[in-house]
Amino acid sequence: MKLKYLLSIFVLSIAQITIACPVCEKQQPKITQGLTHGAGPQSNWDWVIIAVISLITVLTLIYSLKYLIKPGEKSENHIKNQF
């Protein structure tokens, strides 16, 4: 019963966080309207920073998946082959 209440509160909290309020929607540029709270990027440098961070995040995801799916250690004395 307690878990059901906590789950309900969690779902409602996530819904409130992910949907921007009407005041914040008016302050956002077209590309981010309805996604985030606050004023949004103020200059072109903010967009550059967002692009670089997004690129780093995507590359990290790609390499993480690559090395999780096919690690590629073939050496006989590798630590995974010691036992």
Protein backbone atom coordinates (compact mmCIF):
# COMPACT_ATOMS: atom_id res chain seq x y z
CA MET A 1 0.00 0.00 0.00
CA LYS A 2 2.80 2.38 0.92
CA LEU A 3 4.62 1.55 -2.32
CA LYS A 4 1.51 2.43 -4.32
CA TYR A 5 1.34 5.88 -2.70
CA LEU A 6 5.03 6.54 -3.24
CA LEU A 7 4.77 5.45 -6.86
CA SER A 8 1.78 7.75 -7.41
CA ILE A 9 3.64 10.71 -5.91
CA PHE A 10 6.69 9.90 -8.03
CA VAL A 11 4.67 9.74 -11.27
CA LEU A 12 2.90 13.03 -10.51
CA SER A 13 6.20 14.71 -9.65
CA ILE A 14 7.82 13.56 -12.89
CA ALA A 15 4.83 14.83 -14.86
CA GLN A 16 5.16 18.26 -13.24
CA ILE A 17 8.89 18.44 -13.86
CA THR A 18 8.82 17.37 -17.50
CA ILE A 19 6.04 19.67 -18.69
CA ALA A 20 6.84 23.38 -18.74
CA CYS A 21 4.35 25.82 -17.28
CA PRO A 22 2.63 28.40 -19.56
CA VAL A 23 4.79 31.29 -18.30
CA CYS A 24 8.00 29.41 -19.06
CA GLU A 25 6.70 28.36 -22.49
CA LYS A 26 6.39 32.02 -23.49
CA GLN A 27 10.00 32.72 -22.48
CA GLN A 28 11.49 29.80 -24.42
CA PRO A 29 12.63 29.91 -28.04
CA LYS A 30 10.54 27.87 -30.51
CA ILE A 31 12.88 24.87 -30.48
CA THR A 32 12.66 24.31 -26.71
CA GLN A 33 9.11 25.50 -26.05
CA GLY A 34 7.21 23.15 -23.79
CA LEU A 35 10.28 21.13 -22.83
CA THR A 36 12.02 23.06 -20.07
CA HIS A 37 11.43 25.66 -17.39
CA GLY A 38 13.21 28.99 -17.25
CA ALA A 39 14.31 31.55 -19.78
CA GLY A 40 16.28 29.22 -22.06
CA PRO A 41 19.40 30.05 -24.03
CA GLN A 42 20.12 33.77 -24.11
CA SER A 43 22.83 33.99 -26.79
CA ASN A 44 24.43 32.01 -29.58
CA TRP A 45 27.20 30.87 -27.24
CA ASP A 46 24.59 29.08 -25.15
CA TRP A 47 23.57 27.10 -28.24
CA VAL A 48 27.22 26.22 -28.90
CA ILE A 49 27.61 24.94 -25.34
CA ILE A 50 24.40 22.90 -25.64
CA ALA A 51 25.60 21.40 -28.95
CA VAL A 52 29.00 20.43 -27.54
CA ILE A 53 27.48 18.85 -24.43
CA SER A 54 24.96 16.96 -26.59
CA LEU A 55 27.74 15.68 -28.83
CA ILE A 56 29.78 14.49 -25.84
CA THR A 57 26.70 12.75 -24.42
CA VAL A 58 25.88 10.98 -27.68
CA LEU A 59 29.50 9.86 -28.18
CA THR A 60 29.64 8.57 -24.61
CA LEU A 61 26.45 6.58 -25.18
CA ILE A 62 27.73 5.12 -28.46
CA TYR A 63 31.08 4.05 -27.02
CA SER A 64 29.48 2.68 -23.85
CA LEU A 65 27.15 0.49 -25.89
CA LYS A 66 29.96 -0.53 -28.24
CA TYR A 67 32.24 -1.74 -25.46
CA LEU A 68 29.42 -3.35 -23.48
CA ILE A 69 28.15 -5.34 -26.45
CA LYS A 70 31.51 -6.35 -27.96
CA PRO A 71 34.43 -5.63 -25.62
CA GLY A 72 37.09 -7.12 -27.90
CA GLU A 73 39.65 -8.50 -25.42
CA LYS A 74 41.34 -11.40 -27.18
CA SER A 75 44.54 -11.72 -25.16
CA GLU A 76 45.01 -14.98 -23.23
CA ASN A 77 46.44 -13.14 -20.20
CA HIS A 78 43.56 -10.67 -19.94
CA ILE A 79 42.01 -10.42 -16.48
CA LYS A 80 38.69 -11.90 -17.62
CA ASN A 81 40.48 -15.07 -18.76
CA GLN A 82 42.48 -15.69 -15.55
CA PHE A 83 39.92 -17.85 -13.74
